[in-house]
Amino acid sequence: MKNQPKTDEEYRQELSPDAYRVLREKGTERPFTGEYWDHKEQGAYLCGACNARLFNSQSKFDSGCGWPSFTEPLDNKNVLEERDTSHGMIRTEVMCNNCGSHLGHVFPDGPGPKGLRYCINSLSLDFTPEDS
């Protein structure tokens, strides 16, 4: 992780309670409820806490899981992956490498040459259209 540019209190003031729970407390939104799970616009998905560029709409696909899913990060330097053994499971957590915020998890059941599915909470993301 590069750094934590803001204090916990600053994040608490800037983020909605739900976004704070997901981004800073490693929560998960309910499937099929997030703003971006079925989003089709072209552009980039950014960290909802620090605006680091994380995923491109070209790598987004409909996995049927109810969360935005991507085959790969926009830039591997912007995401951090760590082993997650919470909730009695063994998974790989995906975090923003700039601010350390929780984004979701990556699973080895996706399409494409690497076979990965980055399953990301909509509450962890912001979006900027391609024309911006």
N, C-alpha and C. Protein backbone atom coordinates (compact mmCIF):
# COMPACT_ATOMS: atom_id res chain seq x y z
N MET A 1 0.85 -1.17 0.00
CA MET A 1 0.00 0.00 0.00
C MET A 1 0.89 1.23 0.00
N LYS A 2 0.57 2.20 -0.86
CA LYS A 2 1.38 3.42 -0.98
C LYS A 2 1.28 4.28 0.27
N ASN A 3 0.09 4.66 0.64
CA ASN A 3 -0.11 5.49 1.82
C ASN A 3 -1.58 5.57 2.16
N GLN A 4 -1.86 6.14 3.31
CA GLN A 4 -3.24 6.43 3.69
C GLN A 4 -3.32 7.94 3.80
N PRO A 5 -3.69 8.60 2.70
CA PRO A 5 -3.62 10.05 2.66
C PRO A 5 -4.60 10.78 3.59
N LYS A 6 -5.61 10.09 4.07
CA LYS A 6 -6.60 10.73 4.93
C LYS A 6 -6.70 9.97 6.25
N THR A 7 -7.15 10.66 7.27
CA THR A 7 -7.38 10.00 8.55
C THR A 7 -8.71 9.26 8.50
N ASP A 8 -8.90 8.37 9.43
CA ASP A 8 -10.14 7.62 9.52
C ASP A 8 -11.33 8.58 9.68
N GLU A 9 -11.15 9.63 10.47
CA GLU A 9 -12.21 10.60 10.69
C GLU A 9 -12.54 11.36 9.40
N GLU A 10 -11.52 11.68 8.59
CA GLU A 10 -11.77 12.34 7.31
C GLU A 10 -12.57 11.44 6.38
N TYR A 11 -12.21 10.15 6.32
CA TYR A 11 -12.99 9.22 5.50
C TYR A 11 -14.43 9.14 6.00
N ARG A 12 -14.60 9.10 7.31
CA ARG A 12 -15.94 9.00 7.90
C ARG A 12 -16.79 10.22 7.53
N GLN A 13 -16.18 11.39 7.46
CA GLN A 13 -16.91 12.61 7.11
C GLN A 13 -17.21 12.69 5.62
N GLU A 14 -16.32 12.17 4.78
CA GLU A 14 -16.46 12.31 3.33
C GLU A 14 -17.31 11.23 2.68
N LEU A 15 -17.32 10.03 3.25
CA LEU A 15 -18.04 8.91 2.64
C LEU A 15 -19.41 8.74 3.28
N SER A 16 -20.34 8.20 2.51
CA SER A 16 -21.63 7.84 3.11
C SER A 16 -21.39 6.72 4.12
N PRO A 17 -22.31 6.53 5.07
CA PRO A 17 -22.12 5.44 6.03
C PRO A 17 -21.95 4.08 5.36
N ASP A 18 -22.71 3.81 4.30
CA ASP A 18 -22.58 2.52 3.61
C ASP A 18 -21.24 2.40 2.90
N ALA A 19 -20.81 3.47 2.22
CA ALA A 19 -19.51 3.43 1.53
C ALA A 19 -18.39 3.28 2.55
N TYR A 20 -18.49 3.95 3.68
CA TYR A 20 -17.47 3.82 4.73
C TYR A 20 -17.39 2.37 5.22
N ARG A 21 -18.55 1.76 5.44
CA ARG A 21 -18.59 0.37 5.93
C ARG A 21 -17.89 -0.57 4.95
N VAL A 22 -18.11 -0.37 3.65
CA VAL A 22 -17.49 -1.24 2.65
C VAL A 22 -16.01 -0.90 2.47
N LEU A 23 -15.71 0.36 2.19
CA LEU A 23 -14.35 0.76 1.88
C LEU A 23 -13.38 0.66 3.06
N ARG A 24 -13.81 1.09 4.21
CA ARG A 24 -12.88 1.19 5.35
C ARG A 24 -13.05 0.07 6.37
N GLU A 25 -14.22 -0.60 6.38
CA GLU A 25 -14.44 -1.68 7.35
C GLU A 25 -14.60 -3.04 6.69
N LYS A 26 -14.28 -3.13 5.40
CA LYS A 26 -14.29 -4.38 4.64
C LYS A 26 -15.66 -5.03 4.56
N GLY A 27 -16.69 -4.20 4.45
CA GLY A 27 -18.05 -4.70 4.31
C GLY A 27 -18.35 -5.13 2.89
N THR A 28 -19.56 -5.63 2.69
CA THR A 28 -20.01 -6.06 1.36
C THR A 28 -21.45 -5.59 1.17
N GLU A 29 -21.72 -5.01 0.00
CA GLU A 29 -23.09 -4.63 -0.30
C GLU A 29 -23.86 -5.86 -0.77
N ARG A 30 -25.17 -5.82 -0.67
CA ARG A 30 -26.00 -6.92 -1.15
C ARG A 30 -25.90 -7.02 -2.67
N PRO A 31 -25.93 -8.24 -3.22
CA PRO A 31 -25.86 -8.38 -4.68
C PRO A 31 -27.07 -7.76 -5.37
N PHE A 32 -26.85 -7.31 -6.59
CA PHE A 32 -27.88 -6.73 -7.45
C PHE A 32 -28.49 -5.44 -6.89
N THR A 33 -27.78 -4.76 -5.98
CA THR A 33 -28.29 -3.52 -5.40
C THR A 33 -27.39 -2.33 -5.71
N GLY A 34 -26.15 -2.56 -6.11
CA GLY A 34 -25.19 -1.48 -6.31
C GLY A 34 -25.40 -0.73 -7.61
N GLU A 35 -24.92 0.47 -7.64
CA GLU A 35 -25.08 1.36 -8.79
C GLU A 35 -24.43 0.82 -10.06
N TYR A 36 -23.35 0.06 -9.95
CA TYR A 36 -22.57 -0.32 -11.14
C TYR A 36 -22.66 -1.79 -11.54
N TRP A 37 -23.46 -2.60 -10.86
CA TRP A 37 -23.46 -4.03 -11.19
C TRP A 37 -23.93 -4.28 -12.63
N ASP A 38 -24.84 -3.44 -13.14
CA ASP A 38 -25.36 -3.61 -14.49
C ASP A 38 -25.05 -2.39 -15.36
N HIS A 39 -24.04 -1.66 -14.99
CA HIS A 39 -23.65 -0.41 -15.66
C HIS A 39 -22.93 -0.73 -16.96
N LYS A 40 -23.31 -0.06 -18.05
CA LYS A 40 -22.75 -0.40 -19.37
C LYS A 40 -22.00 0.76 -20.03
N GLU A 41 -21.95 1.91 -19.41
CA GLU A 41 -21.29 3.07 -20.00
C GLU A 41 -19.78 2.84 -20.12
N GLN A 42 -19.16 3.44 -21.13
CA GLN A 42 -17.72 3.30 -21.36
C GLN A 42 -16.96 4.34 -20.54
N GLY A 43 -15.88 3.90 -19.88
CA GLY A 43 -15.07 4.80 -19.09
C GLY A 43 -14.22 4.03 -18.09
N ALA A 44 -13.83 4.72 -17.03
CA ALA A 44 -12.96 4.13 -16.01
C ALA A 44 -13.66 4.12 -14.65
N TYR A 45 -13.39 3.08 -13.89
CA TYR A 45 -13.90 2.95 -12.53
C TYR A 45 -12.77 3.32 -11.58
N LEU A 46 -13.09 4.22 -10.66
CA LEU A 46 -12.11 4.78 -9.74
C LEU A 46 -12.38 4.33 -8.32
N CYS A 47 -11.37 4.40 -7.47
CA CYS A 47 -11.56 4.13 -6.05
C CYS A 47 -12.51 5.17 -5.48
N GLY A 48 -13.51 4.73 -4.76
CA GLY A 48 -14.49 5.63 -4.17
C GLY A 48 -13.95 6.45 -3.02
N ALA A 49 -12.76 6.10 -2.52
CA ALA A 49 -12.17 6.84 -1.40
C ALA A 49 -11.10 7.83 -1.85
N CYS A 50 -10.35 7.50 -2.93
CA CYS A 50 -9.21 8.36 -3.30
C CYS A 50 -9.12 8.67 -4.79
N ASN A 51 -10.02 8.13 -5.59
CA ASN A 51 -10.08 8.36 -7.04
C ASN A 51 -8.93 7.74 -7.84
N ALA A 52 -8.21 6.78 -7.28
CA ALA A 52 -7.21 6.06 -8.08
C ALA A 52 -7.93 5.30 -9.18
N ARG A 53 -7.35 5.26 -10.38
CA ARG A 53 -7.96 4.56 -11.52
C ARG A 53 -7.74 3.05 -11.34
N LEU A 54 -8.85 2.30 -11.25
CA LEU A 54 -8.76 0.88 -10.91
C LEU A 54 -9.11 -0.06 -12.07
N PHE A 55 -10.24 0.17 -12.71
CA PHE A 55 -10.72 -0.75 -13.75
C PHE A 55 -11.24 0.04 -14.94
N ASN A 56 -11.20 -0.58 -16.10
CA ASN A 56 -11.70 0.00 -17.33
C ASN A 56 -12.98 -0.72 -17.73
N SER A 57 -13.92 0.00 -18.31
CA SER A 57 -15.17 -0.63 -18.73
C SER A 57 -14.95 -1.74 -19.75
N GLN A 58 -13.85 -1.70 -20.49
CA GLN A 58 -13.57 -2.75 -21.48
C GLN A 58 -13.29 -4.10 -20.82
N SER A 59 -12.87 -4.10 -19.56
CA SER A 59 -12.62 -5.37 -18.87
C SER A 59 -13.82 -5.82 -18.03
N LYS A 60 -14.91 -5.03 -18.05
CA LYS A 60 -16.11 -5.36 -17.27
C LYS A 60 -16.93 -6.41 -18.02
N PHE A 61 -17.51 -7.34 -17.29
CA PHE A 61 -18.37 -8.35 -17.90
C PHE A 61 -19.48 -8.73 -16.94
N ASP A 62 -20.53 -9.32 -17.47
CA ASP A 62 -21.67 -9.76 -16.67
C ASP A 62 -21.40 -11.18 -16.18
N SER A 63 -21.03 -11.27 -14.91
CA SER A 63 -20.72 -12.58 -14.33
C SER A 63 -21.97 -13.24 -13.74
N GLY A 64 -23.06 -12.47 -13.61
CA GLY A 64 -24.27 -13.01 -13.03
C GLY A 64 -24.27 -13.03 -11.51
N CYS A 65 -23.21 -12.50 -10.89
CA CYS A 65 -23.10 -12.58 -9.42
C CYS A 65 -23.76 -11.41 -8.70
N GLY A 66 -24.11 -10.33 -9.43
CA GLY A 66 -24.77 -9.20 -8.81
C GLY A 66 -23.85 -8.08 -8.36
N TRP A 67 -22.56 -8.21 -8.61
CA TRP A 67 -21.59 -7.16 -8.34
C TRP A 67 -20.85 -6.85 -9.63
N PRO A 68 -20.31 -5.65 -9.77
CA PRO A 68 -19.49 -5.36 -10.95
C PRO A 68 -18.32 -6.34 -11.00
N SER A 69 -18.09 -6.92 -12.18
CA SER A 69 -17.02 -7.89 -12.35
C SER A 69 -16.12 -7.47 -13.50
N PHE A 70 -14.83 -7.66 -13.28
CA PHE A 70 -13.83 -7.26 -14.26
C PHE A 70 -12.83 -8.40 -14.45
N THR A 71 -12.25 -8.50 -15.65
CA THR A 71 -11.27 -9.55 -15.91
C THR A 71 -9.88 -9.17 -15.44
N GLU A 72 -9.61 -7.84 -15.32
CA GLU A 72 -8.29 -7.40 -14.89
C GLU A 72 -8.35 -5.94 -14.47
N PRO A 73 -7.38 -5.52 -13.63
CA PRO A 73 -7.29 -4.10 -13.27
C PRO A 73 -6.81 -3.27 -14.46
N LEU A 74 -7.10 -2.00 -14.41
CA LEU A 74 -6.60 -1.06 -15.41
C LEU A 74 -5.08 -0.99 -15.35
N ASP A 75 -4.54 -0.96 -14.13
CA ASP A 75 -3.10 -0.96 -13.89
C ASP A 75 -2.86 -1.78 -12.63
N ASN A 76 -2.10 -2.86 -12.75
CA ASN A 76 -1.85 -3.73 -11.60
C ASN A 76 -1.23 -3.00 -10.41
N LYS A 77 -0.55 -1.89 -10.67
CA LYS A 77 0.07 -1.11 -9.59
C LYS A 77 -0.96 -0.45 -8.69
N ASN A 78 -2.19 -0.31 -9.17
CA ASN A 78 -3.22 0.39 -8.40
C ASN A 78 -4.05 -0.52 -7.50
N VAL A 79 -3.86 -1.83 -7.63
CA VAL A 79 -4.59 -2.75 -6.76
C VAL A 79 -3.62 -3.61 -5.96
N LEU A 80 -4.04 -3.95 -4.78
CA LEU A 80 -3.27 -4.79 -3.87
C LEU A 80 -4.12 -6.01 -3.57
N GLU A 81 -3.52 -7.18 -3.60
CA GLU A 81 -4.24 -8.41 -3.30
C GLU A 81 -3.63 -9.07 -2.07
N GLU A 82 -4.49 -9.50 -1.16
CA GLU A 82 -4.05 -10.17 0.07
C GLU A 82 -4.95 -11.34 0.38
N ARG A 83 -4.38 -12.35 1.00
CA ARG A 83 -5.16 -13.52 1.43
C ARG A 83 -6.16 -13.09 2.50
N ASP A 84 -7.40 -13.55 2.38
CA ASP A 84 -8.48 -13.21 3.29
C ASP A 84 -9.07 -14.51 3.82
N THR A 85 -8.98 -14.73 5.12
CA THR A 85 -9.52 -15.95 5.72
C THR A 85 -10.74 -15.65 6.61
N SER A 86 -11.36 -14.51 6.40
CA SER A 86 -12.54 -14.15 7.20
C SER A 86 -13.75 -14.99 6.80
N HIS A 87 -14.71 -15.06 7.69
CA HIS A 87 -16.00 -15.74 7.45
C HIS A 87 -15.83 -17.22 7.10
N GLY A 88 -14.77 -17.85 7.59
CA GLY A 88 -14.56 -19.28 7.37
C GLY A 88 -14.21 -19.66 5.94
N MET A 89 -13.76 -18.69 5.14
CA MET A 89 -13.41 -18.95 3.74
C MET A 89 -11.96 -18.54 3.49
N ILE A 90 -11.41 -19.05 2.42
CA ILE A 90 -10.10 -18.60 1.97
C ILE A 90 -10.31 -17.93 0.62
N ARG A 91 -10.08 -16.61 0.59
CA ARG A 91 -10.30 -15.82 -0.63
C ARG A 91 -9.12 -14.87 -0.80
N THR A 92 -9.13 -14.15 -1.91
CA THR A 92 -8.14 -13.12 -2.14
C THR A 92 -8.85 -11.78 -2.16
N GLU A 93 -8.55 -10.95 -1.17
CA GLU A 93 -9.14 -9.62 -1.07
C GLU A 93 -8.43 -8.68 -2.04
N VAL A 94 -9.20 -7.77 -2.63
CA VAL A 94 -8.67 -6.74 -3.52
C VAL A 94 -8.85 -5.39 -2.82
N MET A 95 -7.74 -4.63 -2.75
CA MET A 95 -7.76 -3.31 -2.12
C MET A 95 -7.13 -2.28 -3.04
N CYS A 96 -7.45 -1.03 -2.81
CA CYS A 96 -6.79 0.06 -3.51
C CYS A 96 -5.37 0.17 -2.98
N ASN A 97 -4.40 0.15 -3.86
CA ASN A 97 -3.01 0.23 -3.43
C ASN A 97 -2.61 1.65 -3.04
N ASN A 98 -3.43 2.63 -3.34
CA ASN A 98 -3.12 4.01 -2.98
C ASN A 98 -3.56 4.33 -1.56
N CYS A 99 -4.79 3.94 -1.19
CA CYS A 99 -5.32 4.32 0.13
C CYS A 99 -5.64 3.14 1.03
N GLY A 100 -5.54 1.92 0.51
CA GLY A 100 -5.80 0.74 1.33
C GLY A 100 -7.26 0.36 1.49
N SER A 101 -8.15 1.03 0.77
CA SER A 101 -9.58 0.73 0.91
C SER A 101 -9.94 -0.62 0.32
N HIS A 102 -10.88 -1.28 0.96
CA HIS A 102 -11.41 -2.57 0.50
C HIS A 102 -12.26 -2.36 -0.74
N LEU A 103 -12.02 -3.18 -1.76
CA LEU A 103 -12.79 -3.10 -3.00
C LEU A 103 -13.69 -4.31 -3.18
N GLY A 104 -13.18 -5.49 -2.89
CA GLY A 104 -13.92 -6.73 -3.10
C GLY A 104 -12.97 -7.90 -3.06
N HIS A 105 -13.18 -8.88 -3.94
CA HIS A 105 -12.35 -10.08 -3.98
C HIS A 105 -12.11 -10.49 -5.43
N VAL A 106 -11.05 -11.26 -5.65
CA VAL A 106 -10.78 -11.81 -6.97
C VAL A 106 -10.87 -13.32 -6.88
N PHE A 107 -11.51 -13.92 -7.89
CA PHE A 107 -11.73 -15.36 -7.93
C PHE A 107 -11.20 -15.94 -9.24
N PRO A 108 -10.79 -17.20 -9.22
CA PRO A 108 -10.23 -17.83 -10.43
C PRO A 108 -11.28 -18.48 -11.32
N ASP A 109 -12.43 -17.81 -11.48
CA ASP A 109 -13.51 -18.41 -12.29
C ASP A 109 -14.03 -17.46 -13.37
N GLY A 110 -13.17 -16.56 -13.83
CA GLY A 110 -13.59 -15.59 -14.83
C GLY A 110 -13.20 -15.98 -16.24
N PRO A 111 -13.68 -15.21 -17.20
CA PRO A 111 -13.32 -15.46 -18.61
C PRO A 111 -11.96 -14.86 -18.92
N GLY A 112 -11.59 -14.93 -20.15
CA GLY A 112 -10.35 -14.31 -20.60
C GLY A 112 -9.14 -15.18 -20.36
N PRO A 113 -7.99 -14.72 -20.83
CA PRO A 113 -6.77 -15.53 -20.78
C PRO A 113 -6.29 -15.83 -19.36
N LYS A 114 -6.56 -14.94 -18.41
CA LYS A 114 -6.10 -15.17 -17.03
C LYS A 114 -7.14 -15.91 -16.19
N GLY A 115 -8.39 -15.97 -16.66
CA GLY A 115 -9.44 -16.68 -15.94
C GLY A 115 -9.80 -16.07 -14.61
N LEU A 116 -9.67 -14.74 -14.49
CA LEU A 116 -9.95 -14.09 -13.21
C LEU A 116 -11.26 -13.31 -13.26
N ARG A 117 -11.90 -13.21 -12.08
CA ARG A 117 -13.10 -12.40 -11.91
C ARG A 117 -12.88 -11.50 -10.71
N TYR A 118 -12.64 -10.24 -10.97
CA TYR A 118 -12.53 -9.25 -9.91
C TYR A 118 -13.94 -8.82 -9.56
N CYS A 119 -14.43 -9.28 -8.44
CA CYS A 119 -15.79 -9.04 -7.97
C CYS A 119 -15.73 -7.85 -6.99
N ILE A 120 -16.22 -6.70 -7.44
CA ILE A 120 -15.98 -5.43 -6.74
C ILE A 120 -17.30 -4.81 -6.30
N ASN A 121 -17.34 -4.29 -5.09
CA ASN A 121 -18.51 -3.60 -4.58
C ASN A 121 -18.71 -2.28 -5.32
N SER A 122 -19.94 -2.01 -5.75
CA SER A 122 -20.24 -0.71 -6.36
C SER A 122 -19.92 0.44 -5.41
N LEU A 123 -20.18 0.23 -4.12
CA LEU A 123 -19.92 1.26 -3.12
C LEU A 123 -18.43 1.59 -3.00
N SER A 124 -17.57 0.74 -3.54
CA SER A 124 -16.13 1.00 -3.52
C SER A 124 -15.68 1.82 -4.72
N LEU A 125 -16.60 2.08 -5.64
CA LEU A 125 -16.22 2.68 -6.92
C LEU A 125 -16.90 4.02 -7.18
N ASP A 126 -16.21 4.81 -7.99
CA ASP A 126 -16.78 5.96 -8.69
C ASP A 126 -16.54 5.69 -10.17
N PHE A 127 -17.23 6.40 -11.02
CA PHE A 127 -17.08 6.18 -12.45
C PHE A 127 -16.85 7.50 -13.16
N THR A 128 -15.96 7.49 -14.13
CA THR A 128 -15.76 8.65 -14.99
C THR A 128 -15.94 8.22 -16.43
N PRO A 129 -16.86 8.87 -17.16
CA PRO A 129 -17.10 8.47 -18.56
C PRO A 129 -15.86 8.67 -19.42
N GLU A 130 -15.83 7.93 -20.52
CA GLU A 130 -14.69 7.94 -21.44
C GLU A 130 -14.39 9.35 -21.95
N ASP A 131 -15.40 10.17 -22.15
CA ASP A 131 -15.21 11.52 -22.70
C ASP A 131 -14.64 12.51 -21.69
N SER A 132 -14.58 12.13 -20.40
CA SER A 132 -14.12 13.06 -19.37
C SER A 132 -12.62 13.22 -19.37
